[in-house]
Amino acid sequence: PGGSLRLSCAASGFTLDYYAIGWFRQAPGKEREGVSCIIRS
């Protein structure tokens, strides 16, 4: 607790800048929830 992590999402087979990107998370027994998103630009 209190620490930091940096997650990366790397694309292959397509160009990421054509898409909005979202980060989601799912804990055991819970529904998937949106964490963050970013538009193409």
PDB file of all heavy atoms in Angstrom:
ATOM      1  N   PRO A   1       0.822  -1.205   0.000  1.00  0.00           N
ATOM      2  CA  PRO A   1       0.000   0.000   0.000  1.00  0.00           C
ATOM      3  C   PRO A   1       0.856   1.255   0.000  1.00  0.00           C
ATOM      4  O   PRO A   1       1.855   1.349   0.719  1.00  0.00           O
ATOM      5  CB  PRO A   1      -0.811  -0.131   1.285  1.00  0.00           C
ATOM      6  CG  PRO A   1      -0.893  -1.607   1.516  1.00  0.00           C
ATOM      7  CD  PRO A   1       0.435  -2.150   1.057  1.00  0.00           C
ATOM      8  N   GLY A   2       0.444   2.215  -0.807  1.00  0.00           N
ATOM      9  CA  GLY A   2       1.206   3.437  -0.977  1.00  0.00           C
ATOM     10  C   GLY A   2       2.223   3.387  -2.084  1.00  0.00           C
ATOM     11  O   GLY A   2       2.788   4.432  -2.447  1.00  0.00           O
ATOM     12  N   GLY A   3       2.455   2.215  -2.635  1.00  0.00           N
ATOM     13  CA  GLY A   3       3.422   2.066  -3.704  1.00  0.00           C
ATOM     14  C   GLY A   3       2.866   2.443  -5.058  1.00  0.00           C
ATOM     15  O   GLY A   3       1.718   2.870  -5.192  1.00  0.00           O
ATOM     16  N   SER A   4       3.692   2.258  -6.066  1.00  0.00           N
ATOM     17  CA  SER A   4       3.353   2.651  -7.426  1.00  0.00           C
ATOM     18  C   SER A   4       3.647   1.540  -8.411  1.00  0.00           C
ATOM     19  O   SER A   4       4.557   0.727  -8.213  1.00  0.00           O
ATOM     20  CB  SER A   4       4.156   3.888  -7.848  1.00  0.00           C
ATOM     21  OG  SER A   4       3.854   5.009  -7.049  1.00  0.00           O
ATOM     22  N   LEU A   5       2.876   1.522  -9.475  1.00  0.00           N
ATOM     23  CA  LEU A   5       3.112   0.658 -10.615  1.00  0.00           C
ATOM     24  C   LEU A   5       2.774   1.437 -11.877  1.00  0.00           C
ATOM     25  O   LEU A   5       1.916   2.320 -11.862  1.00  0.00           O
ATOM     26  CB  LEU A   5       2.255  -0.604 -10.572  1.00  0.00           C
ATOM     27  CG  LEU A   5       2.609  -1.688  -9.565  1.00  0.00           C
ATOM     28  CD1 LEU A   5       1.520  -2.755  -9.549  1.00  0.00           C
ATOM     29  CD2 LEU A   5       3.955  -2.315  -9.888  1.00  0.00           C
ATOM     30  N   ARG A   6       3.427   1.074 -12.948  1.00  0.00           N
ATOM     31  CA  ARG A   6       3.125   1.640 -14.258  1.00  0.00           C
ATOM     32  C   ARG A   6       2.745   0.509 -15.199  1.00  0.00           C
ATOM     33  O   ARG A   6       3.571  -0.350 -15.517  1.00  0.00           O
ATOM     34  CB  ARG A   6       4.320   2.400 -14.817  1.00  0.00           C
ATOM     35  CG  ARG A   6       4.033   3.165 -16.116  1.00  0.00           C
ATOM     36  CD  ARG A   6       5.332   3.555 -16.772  1.00  0.00           C
ATOM     37  NE  ARG A   6       5.164   4.522 -17.840  1.00  0.00           N
ATOM     38  CZ  ARG A   6       6.046   4.709 -18.824  1.00  0.00           C
ATOM     39  NH1 ARG A   6       7.162   4.004 -18.857  1.00  0.00           N
ATOM     40  NH2 ARG A   6       5.814   5.620 -19.755  1.00  0.00           N
ATOM     41  N   LEU A   7       1.502   0.507 -15.622  1.00  0.00           N
ATOM     42  CA  LEU A   7       1.029  -0.487 -16.557  1.00  0.00           C
ATOM     43  C   LEU A   7       1.193   0.010 -17.983  1.00  0.00           C
ATOM     44  O   LEU A   7       1.038   1.195 -18.262  1.00  0.00           O
ATOM     45  CB  LEU A   7      -0.442  -0.813 -16.312  1.00  0.00           C
ATOM     46  CG  LEU A   7      -0.833  -1.250 -14.899  1.00  0.00           C
ATOM     47  CD1 LEU A   7      -2.315  -1.621 -14.869  1.00  0.00           C
ATOM     48  CD2 LEU A   7       0.028  -2.408 -14.424  1.00  0.00           C
ATOM     49  N   SER A   8       1.496  -0.916 -18.877  1.00  0.00           N
ATOM     50  CA  SER A   8       1.618  -0.611 -20.290  1.00  0.00           C
ATOM     51  C   SER A   8       0.636  -1.453 -21.078  1.00  0.00           C
ATOM     52  O   SER A   8       0.349  -2.595 -20.718  1.00  0.00           O
ATOM     53  CB  SER A   8       3.043  -0.889 -20.792  1.00  0.00           C
ATOM     54  OG  SER A   8       3.987  -0.067 -20.150  1.00  0.00           O
ATOM     55  N   CYS A   9       0.144  -0.888 -22.154  1.00  0.00           N
ATOM     56  CA  CYS A   9      -0.747  -1.573 -23.080  1.00  0.00           C
ATOM     57  C   CYS A   9      -0.171  -1.377 -24.464  1.00  0.00           C
ATOM     58  O   CYS A   9      -0.218  -0.265 -25.003  1.00  0.00           O
ATOM     59  CB  CYS A   9      -2.159  -1.002 -22.977  1.00  0.00           C
ATOM     60  SG  CYS A   9      -3.332  -1.640 -24.191  1.00  0.00           S
ATOM     61  N   ALA A  10       0.382  -2.425 -25.020  1.00  0.00           N
ATOM     62  CA  ALA A  10       1.038  -2.360 -26.316  1.00  0.00           C
ATOM     63  C   ALA A  10       0.185  -3.046 -27.371  1.00  0.00           C
ATOM     64  O   ALA A  10      -0.334  -4.146 -27.145  1.00  0.00           O
ATOM     65  CB  ALA A  10       2.412  -3.013 -26.249  1.00  0.00           C
ATOM     66  N   ALA A  11       0.058  -2.408 -28.512  1.00  0.00           N
ATOM     67  CA  ALA A  11      -0.753  -2.929 -29.605  1.00  0.00           C
ATOM     68  C   ALA A  11       0.122  -3.557 -30.672  1.00  0.00           C
ATOM     69  O   ALA A  11       1.223  -3.083 -30.949  1.00  0.00           O
ATOM     70  CB  ALA A  11      -1.595  -1.824 -30.225  1.00  0.00           C
ATOM     71  N   SER A  12      -0.385  -4.611 -31.263  1.00  0.00           N
ATOM     72  CA  SER A  12       0.228  -5.196 -32.442  1.00  0.00           C
ATOM     73  C   SER A  12      -0.868  -5.531 -33.441  1.00  0.00           C
ATOM     74  O   SER A  12      -1.990  -5.851 -33.060  1.00  0.00           O
ATOM     75  CB  SER A  12       1.045  -6.441 -32.101  1.00  0.00           C
ATOM     76  OG  SER A  12       0.223  -7.463 -31.567  1.00  0.00           O
ATOM     77  N   GLY A  13      -0.539  -5.440 -34.711  1.00  0.00           N
ATOM     78  CA  GLY A  13      -1.507  -5.735 -35.746  1.00  0.00           C
ATOM     79  C   GLY A  13      -2.413  -4.581 -36.123  1.00  0.00           C
ATOM     80  O   GLY A  13      -3.194  -4.711 -37.072  1.00  0.00           O
ATOM     81  N   PHE A  14      -2.337  -3.487 -35.394  1.00  0.00           N
ATOM     82  CA  PHE A  14      -3.108  -2.300 -35.724  1.00  0.00           C
ATOM     83  C   PHE A  14      -2.448  -1.100 -35.078  1.00  0.00           C
ATOM     84  O   PHE A  14      -1.576  -1.248 -34.218  1.00  0.00           O
ATOM     85  CB  PHE A  14      -4.575  -2.425 -35.313  1.00  0.00           C
ATOM     86  CG  PHE A  14      -4.808  -2.510 -33.831  1.00  0.00           C
ATOM     87  CD1 PHE A  14      -5.251  -1.408 -33.118  1.00  0.00           C
ATOM     88  CD2 PHE A  14      -4.603  -3.695 -33.149  1.00  0.00           C
ATOM     89  CE1 PHE A  14      -5.494  -1.486 -31.756  1.00  0.00           C
ATOM     90  CE2 PHE A  14      -4.833  -3.792 -31.786  1.00  0.00           C
ATOM     91  CZ  PHE A  14      -5.284  -2.686 -31.092  1.00  0.00           C
ATOM     92  N   THR A  15      -2.889   0.065 -35.479  1.00  0.00           N
ATOM     93  CA  THR A  15      -2.323   1.309 -34.972  1.00  0.00           C
ATOM     94  C   THR A  15      -3.222   1.857 -33.876  1.00  0.00           C
ATOM     95  O   THR A  15      -4.392   2.153 -34.110  1.00  0.00           O
ATOM     96  CB  THR A  15      -2.172   2.337 -36.099  1.00  0.00           C
ATOM     97  OG1 THR A  15      -1.313   1.799 -37.110  1.00  0.00           O
ATOM     98  CG2 THR A  15      -1.572   3.633 -35.575  1.00  0.00           C
ATOM     99  N   LEU A  16      -2.659   2.012 -32.697  1.00  0.00           N
ATOM    100  CA  LEU A  16      -3.462   2.415 -31.550  1.00  0.00           C
ATOM    101  C   LEU A  16      -4.047   3.805 -31.696  1.00  0.00           C
ATOM    102  O   LEU A  16      -5.084   4.090 -31.096  1.00  0.00           O
ATOM    103  CB  LEU A  16      -2.630   2.353 -30.266  1.00  0.00           C
ATOM    104  CG  LEU A  16      -2.741   1.122 -29.377  1.00  0.00           C
ATOM    105  CD1 LEU A  16      -2.074   1.400 -28.042  1.00  0.00           C
ATOM    106  CD2 LEU A  16      -4.181   0.699 -29.181  1.00  0.00           C
ATOM    107  N   ASP A  17      -3.400   4.667 -32.447  1.00  0.00           N
ATOM    108  CA  ASP A  17      -3.898   6.036 -32.514  1.00  0.00           C
ATOM    109  C   ASP A  17      -5.199   6.173 -33.284  1.00  0.00           C
ATOM    110  O   ASP A  17      -5.752   7.272 -33.344  1.00  0.00           O
ATOM    111  CB  ASP A  17      -2.831   7.010 -33.021  1.00  0.00           C
ATOM    112  CG  ASP A  17      -2.368   6.737 -34.441  1.00  0.00           C
ATOM    113  OD1 ASP A  17      -2.894   5.811 -35.094  1.00  0.00           O
ATOM    114  OD2 ASP A  17      -1.468   7.458 -34.900  1.00  0.00           O
ATOM    115  N   TYR A  18      -5.694   5.084 -33.852  1.00  0.00           N
ATOM    116  CA  TYR A  18      -7.023   5.100 -34.454  1.00  0.00           C
ATOM    117  C   TYR A  18      -8.130   4.897 -33.425  1.00  0.00           C
ATOM    118  O   TYR A  18      -9.317   5.000 -33.773  1.00  0.00           O
ATOM    119  CB  TYR A  18      -7.150   3.998 -35.505  1.00  0.00           C
ATOM    120  CG  TYR A  18      -6.316   4.171 -36.748  1.00  0.00           C
ATOM    121  CD1 TYR A  18      -6.116   3.094 -37.609  1.00  0.00           C
ATOM    122  CD2 TYR A  18      -5.742   5.385 -37.080  1.00  0.00           C
ATOM    123  CE1 TYR A  18      -5.356   3.225 -38.757  1.00  0.00           C
ATOM    124  CE2 TYR A  18      -4.978   5.529 -38.226  1.00  0.00           C
ATOM    125  CZ  TYR A  18      -4.792   4.442 -39.065  1.00  0.00           C
ATOM    126  OH  TYR A  18      -4.039   4.577 -40.202  1.00  0.00           O
ATOM    127  N   TYR A  19      -7.777   4.612 -32.192  1.00  0.00           N
ATOM    128  CA  TYR A  19      -8.752   4.182 -31.202  1.00  0.00           C
ATOM    129  C   TYR A  19      -8.649   4.957 -29.904  1.00  0.00           C
ATOM    130  O   TYR A  19      -7.564   5.355 -29.475  1.00  0.00           O
ATOM    131  CB  TYR A  19      -8.554   2.695 -30.877  1.00  0.00           C
ATOM    132  CG  TYR A  19      -8.720   1.779 -32.056  1.00  0.00           C
ATOM    133  CD1 TYR A  19      -7.630   1.429 -32.840  1.00  0.00           C
ATOM    134  CD2 TYR A  19      -9.973   1.276 -32.392  1.00  0.00           C
ATOM    135  CE1 TYR A  19      -7.780   0.592 -33.928  1.00  0.00           C
ATOM    136  CE2 TYR A  19     -10.123   0.434 -33.480  1.00  0.00           C
ATOM    137  CZ  TYR A  19      -9.025   0.102 -34.244  1.00  0.00           C
ATOM    138  OH  TYR A  19      -9.174  -0.737 -35.324  1.00  0.00           O
ATOM    139  N   ALA A  20      -9.799   5.129 -29.273  1.00  0.00           N
ATOM    140  CA  ALA A  20      -9.792   5.438 -27.857  1.00  0.00           C
ATOM    141  C   ALA A  20      -9.380   4.193 -27.084  1.00  0.00           C
ATOM    142  O   ALA A  20      -9.648   3.064 -27.509  1.00  0.00           O
ATOM    143  CB  ALA A  20     -11.179   5.901 -27.401  1.00  0.00           C
ATOM    144  N   ILE A  21      -8.711   4.387 -25.954  1.00  0.00           N
ATOM    145  CA  ILE A  21      -8.245   3.274 -25.133  1.00  0.00           C
ATOM    146  C   ILE A  21      -8.824   3.412 -23.735  1.00  0.00           C
ATOM    147  O   ILE A  21      -8.797   4.494 -23.145  1.00  0.00           O
ATOM    148  CB  ILE A  21      -6.716   3.222 -25.053  1.00  0.00           C
ATOM    149  CG1 ILE A  21      -6.106   3.083 -26.449  1.00  0.00           C
ATOM    150  CG2 ILE A  21      -6.268   2.068 -24.152  1.00  0.00           C
ATOM    151  CD1 ILE A  21      -6.481   1.791 -27.165  1.00  0.00           C
ATOM    152  N   GLY A  22      -9.320   2.313 -23.231  1.00  0.00           N
ATOM    153  CA  GLY A  22      -9.805   2.273 -21.863  1.00  0.00           C
ATOM    154  C   GLY A  22      -9.031   1.274 -21.036  1.00  0.00           C
ATOM    155  O   GLY A  22      -8.533   0.265 -21.554  1.00  0.00           O
ATOM    156  N   TRP A  23      -8.901   1.580 -19.761  1.00  0.00           N
ATOM    157  CA  TRP A  23      -8.402   0.636 -18.768  1.00  0.00           C
ATOM    158  C   TRP A  23      -9.572   0.213 -17.884  1.00  0.00           C
ATOM    159  O   TRP A  23     -10.328   1.064 -17.393  1.00  0.00           O
ATOM    160  CB  TRP A  23      -7.303   1.244 -17.895  1.00  0.00           C
ATOM    161  CG  TRP A  23      -5.962   1.345 -18.556  1.00  0.00           C
ATOM    162  CD1 TRP A  23      -5.423   2.431 -19.160  1.00  0.00           C
ATOM    163  CD2 TRP A  23      -4.983   0.310 -18.649  1.00  0.00           C
ATOM    164  NE1 TRP A  23      -4.164   2.148 -19.628  1.00  0.00           N
ATOM    165  CE2 TRP A  23      -3.867   0.847 -19.331  1.00  0.00           C
ATOM    166  CE3 TRP A  23      -4.932  -1.022 -18.222  1.00  0.00           C
ATOM    167  CZ2 TRP A  23      -2.715   0.096 -19.601  1.00  0.00           C
ATOM    168  CZ3 TRP A  23      -3.792  -1.768 -18.488  1.00  0.00           C
ATOM    169  CH2 TRP A  23      -2.707  -1.208 -19.167  1.00  0.00           C
ATOM    170  N   PHE A  24      -9.685  -1.077 -17.686  1.00  0.00           N
ATOM    171  CA  PHE A  24     -10.717  -1.664 -16.845  1.00  0.00           C
ATOM    172  C   PHE A  24     -10.056  -2.586 -15.840  1.00  0.00           C
ATOM    173  O   PHE A  24      -8.926  -3.025 -16.036  1.00  0.00           O
ATOM    174  CB  PHE A  24     -11.726  -2.443 -17.691  1.00  0.00           C
ATOM    175  CG  PHE A  24     -12.485  -1.604 -18.672  1.00  0.00           C
ATOM    176  CD1 PHE A  24     -11.915  -1.222 -19.880  1.00  0.00           C
ATOM    177  CD2 PHE A  24     -13.775  -1.185 -18.395  1.00  0.00           C
ATOM    178  CE1 PHE A  24     -12.604  -0.443 -20.788  1.00  0.00           C
ATOM    179  CE2 PHE A  24     -14.480  -0.398 -19.295  1.00  0.00           C
ATOM    180  CZ  PHE A  24     -13.895  -0.033 -20.487  1.00  0.00           C
ATOM    181  N   ARG A  25     -10.772  -2.897 -14.777  1.00  0.00           N
ATOM    182  CA  ARG A  25     -10.249  -3.843 -13.799  1.00  0.00           C
ATOM    183  C   ARG A  25     -11.370  -4.719 -13.275  1.00  0.00           C
ATOM    184  O   ARG A  25     -12.535  -4.328 -13.255  1.00  0.00           O
ATOM    185  CB  ARG A  25      -9.533  -3.129 -12.651  1.00  0.00           C
ATOM    186  CG  ARG A  25     -10.434  -2.296 -11.756  1.00  0.00           C
ATOM    187  CD  ARG A  25      -9.591  -1.518 -10.749  1.00  0.00           C
ATOM    188  NE  ARG A  25     -10.412  -0.750  -9.829  1.00  0.00           N
ATOM    189  CZ  ARG A  25      -9.941   0.133  -8.963  1.00  0.00           C
ATOM    190  NH1 ARG A  25      -8.625   0.356  -8.891  1.00  0.00           N
ATOM    191  NH2 ARG A  25     -10.764   0.792  -8.158  1.00  0.00           N
ATOM    192  N   GLN A  26     -10.982  -5.899 -12.839  1.00  0.00           N
ATOM    193  CA  GLN A  26     -11.945  -6.831 -12.283  1.00  0.00           C
ATOM    194  C   GLN A  26     -11.309  -7.576 -11.116  1.00  0.00           C
ATOM    195  O   GLN A  26     -10.294  -8.254 -11.282  1.00  0.00           O
ATOM    196  CB  GLN A  26     -12.433  -7.822 -13.330  1.00  0.00           C
ATOM    197  CG  GLN A  26     -13.587  -8.687 -12.859  1.00  0.00           C
ATOM    198  CD  GLN A  26     -14.277  -9.402 -13.993  1.00  0.00           C
ATOM    199  OE1 GLN A  26     -13.700  -9.618 -15.057  1.00  0.00           O
ATOM    200  NE2 GLN A  26     -15.528  -9.767 -13.786  1.00  0.00           N
ATOM    201  N   ALA A  27     -11.910  -7.428  -9.960  1.00  0.00           N
ATOM    202  CA  ALA A  27     -11.491  -8.149  -8.776  1.00  0.00           C
ATOM    203  C   ALA A  27     -12.310  -9.429  -8.655  1.00  0.00           C
ATOM    204  O   ALA A  27     -13.423  -9.516  -9.180  1.00  0.00           O
ATOM    205  CB  ALA A  27     -11.676  -7.282  -7.536  1.00  0.00           C
ATOM    206  N   PRO A  28     -11.792 -10.436  -7.949  1.00  0.00           N
ATOM    207  CA  PRO A  28     -12.542 -11.689  -7.804  1.00  0.00           C
ATOM    208  C   PRO A  28     -13.931 -11.463  -7.223  1.00  0.00           C
ATOM    209  O   PRO A  28     -14.088 -10.766  -6.217  1.00  0.00           O
ATOM    210  CB  PRO A  28     -11.672 -12.509  -6.855  1.00  0.00           C
ATOM    211  CG  PRO A  28     -10.289 -11.984  -7.074  1.00  0.00           C
ATOM    212  CD  PRO A  28     -10.469 -10.512  -7.321  1.00  0.00           C
ATOM    213  N   GLY A  29     -14.927 -12.035  -7.868  1.00  0.00           N
ATOM    214  CA  GLY A  29     -16.289 -11.924  -7.400  1.00  0.00           C
ATOM    215  C   GLY A  29     -16.967 -10.605  -7.668  1.00  0.00           C
ATOM    216  O   GLY A  29     -18.105 -10.410  -7.223  1.00  0.00           O
ATOM    217  N   LYS A  30     -16.301  -9.698  -8.372  1.00  0.00           N
ATOM    218  CA  LYS A  30     -16.873  -8.393  -8.648  1.00  0.00           C
ATOM    219  C   LYS A  30     -17.001  -8.162 -10.145  1.00  0.00           C
ATOM    220  O   LYS A  30     -16.358  -8.835 -10.951  1.00  0.00           O
ATOM    221  CB  LYS A  30     -16.015  -7.287  -8.026  1.00  0.00           C
ATOM    222  CG  LYS A  30     -15.958  -7.327  -6.506  1.00  0.00           C
ATOM    223  CD  LYS A  30     -15.191  -6.145  -5.952  1.00  0.00           C
ATOM    224  CE  LYS A  30     -15.182  -6.154  -4.436  1.00  0.00           C
ATOM    225  NZ  LYS A  30     -14.433  -4.995  -3.888  1.00  0.00           N
ATOM    226  N   GLU A  31     -17.844  -7.215 -10.497  1.00  0.00           N
ATOM    227  CA  GLU A  31     -18.026  -6.855 -11.892  1.00  0.00           C
ATOM    228  C   GLU A  31     -16.846  -6.047 -12.403  1.00  0.00           C
ATOM    229  O   GLU A  31     -16.172  -5.339 -11.648  1.00  0.00           O
ATOM    230  CB  GLU A  31     -19.311  -6.051 -12.061  1.00  0.00           C
ATOM    231  CG  GLU A  31     -20.580  -6.823 -11.734  1.00  0.00           C
ATOM    232  CD  GLU A  31     -20.822  -7.956 -12.686  1.00  0.00           C
ATOM    233  OE1 GLU A  31     -20.614  -7.778 -13.903  1.00  0.00           O
ATOM    234  OE2 GLU A  31     -21.217  -9.046 -12.224  1.00  0.00           O
ATOM    235  N   ARG A  32     -16.616  -6.148 -13.688  1.00  0.00           N
ATOM    236  CA  ARG A  32     -15.588  -5.337 -14.317  1.00  0.00           C
ATOM    237  C   ARG A  32     -16.002  -3.867 -14.274  1.00  0.00           C
ATOM    238  O   ARG A  32     -17.155  -3.527 -14.553  1.00  0.00           O
ATOM    239  CB  ARG A  32     -15.371  -5.791 -15.757  1.00  0.00           C
ATOM    240  CG  ARG A  32     -14.212  -5.116 -16.457  1.00  0.00           C
ATOM    241  CD  ARG A  32     -13.913  -5.782 -17.792  1.00  0.00           C
ATOM    242  NE  ARG A  32     -13.520  -7.175 -17.605  1.00  0.00           N
ATOM    243  CZ  ARG A  32     -13.024  -7.941 -18.577  1.00  0.00           C
ATOM    244  NH1 ARG A  32     -12.857  -7.444 -19.799  1.00  0.00           N
ATOM    245  NH2 ARG A  32     -12.706  -9.204 -18.320  1.00  0.00           N
ATOM    246  N   GLU A  33     -15.056  -3.010 -13.923  1.00  0.00           N
ATOM    247  CA  GLU A  33     -15.335  -1.596 -13.853  1.00  0.00           C
ATOM    248  C   GLU A  33     -14.310  -0.805 -14.643  1.00  0.00           C
ATOM    249  O   GLU A  33     -13.140  -1.174 -14.722  1.00  0.00           O
ATOM    250  CB  GLU A  33     -15.377  -1.105 -12.404  1.00  0.00           C
ATOM    251  CG  GLU A  33     -14.070  -1.195 -11.666  1.00  0.00           C
ATOM    252  CD  GLU A  33     -14.144  -0.661 -10.246  1.00  0.00           C
ATOM    253  OE1 GLU A  33     -15.166  -0.054  -9.873  1.00  0.00           O
ATOM    254  OE2 GLU A  33     -13.168  -0.852  -9.490  1.00  0.00           O
ATOM    255  N   GLY A  34     -14.769   0.295 -15.202  1.00  0.00           N
ATOM    256  CA  GLY A  34     -13.877   1.177 -15.921  1.00  0.00           C
ATOM    257  C   GLY A  34     -13.021   1.978 -14.971  1.00  0.00           C
ATOM    258  O   GLY A  34     -13.503   2.494 -13.962  1.00  0.00           O
ATOM    259  N   VAL A  35     -11.749   2.108 -15.284  1.00  0.00           N
ATOM    260  CA  VAL A  35     -10.789   2.830 -14.464  1.00  0.00           C
ATOM    261  C   VAL A  35     -10.423   4.168 -15.093  1.00  0.00           C
ATOM    262  O   VAL A  35     -10.390   5.192 -14.420  1.00  0.00           O
ATOM    263  CB  VAL A  35      -9.527   1.989 -14.243  1.00  0.00           C
ATOM    264  CG1 VAL A  35      -8.481   2.773 -13.458  1.00  0.00           C
ATOM    265  CG2 VAL A  35      -9.873   0.693 -13.523  1.00  0.00           C
ATOM    266  N   SER A  36     -10.148   4.147 -16.382  1.00  0.00           N
ATOM    267  CA  SER A  36      -9.729   5.354 -17.073  1.00  0.00           C
ATOM    268  C   SER A  36      -9.866   5.146 -18.565  1.00  0.00           C
ATOM    269  O   SER A  36      -9.930   4.014 -19.045  1.00  0.00           O
ATOM    270  CB  SER A  36      -8.275   5.695 -16.717  1.00  0.00           C
ATOM    271  OG  SER A  36      -7.882   6.939 -17.266  1.00  0.00           O
ATOM    272  N   CYS A  37      -9.905   6.235 -19.298  1.00  0.00           N
ATOM    273  CA  CYS A  37      -9.894   6.147 -20.751  1.00  0.00           C
ATOM    274  C   CYS A  37      -9.260   7.397 -21.324  1.00  0.00           C
ATOM    275  O   CYS A  37      -9.148   8.426 -20.651  1.00  0.00           O
ATOM    276  CB  CYS A  37     -11.295   5.926 -21.342  1.00  0.00           C
ATOM    277  SG  CYS A  37     -12.495   7.245 -21.038  1.00  0.00           S
ATOM    278  N   ILE A  38      -8.854   7.291 -22.579  1.00  0.00           N
ATOM    279  CA  ILE A  38      -8.184   8.391 -23.258  1.00  0.00           C
ATOM    280  C   ILE A  38      -8.578   8.362 -24.730  1.00  0.00           C
ATOM    281  O   ILE A  38      -8.655   7.297 -25.341  1.00  0.00           O
ATOM    282  CB  ILE A  38      -6.652   8.301 -23.063  1.00  0.00           C
ATOM    283  CG1 ILE A  38      -5.941   9.529 -23.609  1.00  0.00           C
ATOM    284  CG2 ILE A  38      -6.092   7.014 -23.676  1.00  0.00           C
ATOM    285  CD1 ILE A  38      -4.480   9.617 -23.155  1.00  0.00           C
ATOM    286  N   ILE A  39      -8.840   9.542 -25.287  1.00  0.00           N
ATOM    287  CA  ILE A  39      -9.244   9.598 -26.683  1.00  0.00           C
ATOM    288  C   ILE A  39      -8.030   9.481 -27.595  1.00  0.00           C
ATOM    289  O   ILE A  39      -6.887   9.462 -27.142  1.00  0.00           O
ATOM    290  CB  ILE A  39     -10.055  10.871 -26.995  1.00  0.00           C
ATOM    291  CG1 ILE A  39      -9.214  12.144 -26.820  1.00  0.00           C
ATOM    292  CG2 ILE A  39     -11.310  10.932 -26.134  1.00  0.00           C
ATOM    293  CD1 ILE A  39      -9.896  13.390 -27.363  1.00  0.00           C
ATOM    294  N   ARG A  40      -8.293   9.404 -28.881  1.00  0.00           N
ATOM    295  CA  ARG A  40      -7.221   9.144 -29.838  1.00  0.00           C
ATOM    296  C   ARG A  40      -6.074  10.139 -29.764  1.00  0.00           C
ATOM    297  O   ARG A  40      -4.905   9.760 -29.786  1.00  0.00           O
ATOM    298  CB  ARG A  40      -7.780   9.128 -31.267  1.00  0.00           C
ATOM    299  CG  ARG A  40      -8.673   7.933 -31.567  1.00  0.00           C
ATOM    300  CD  ARG A  40      -9.392   8.125 -32.879  1.00  0.00           C
ATOM    301  NE  ARG A  40     -10.364   9.209 -32.801  1.00  0.00           N
ATOM    302  CZ  ARG A  40     -10.991   9.731 -33.840  1.00  0.00           C
ATOM    303  NH1 ARG A  40     -10.754   9.273 -35.066  1.00  0.00           N
ATOM    304  NH2 ARG A  40     -11.872  10.703 -33.664  1.00  0.00           N
ATOM    305  N   SER A  41      -6.423  11.409 -29.649  1.00  0.00           N
ATOM    306  CA  SER A  41      -5.400  12.448 -29.624  1.00  0.00           C
ATOM    307  C   SER A  41      -4.713  12.578 -28.271  1.00  0.00           C
ATOM    308  O   SER A  41      -3.682  13.243 -28.168  1.00  0.00           O
ATOM    309  CB  SER A  41      -6.026  13.794 -29.985  1.00  0.00           C
ATOM    310  OG  SER A  41      -6.901  14.226 -28.961  1.00  0.00           O
TER     311      SER A  41
END
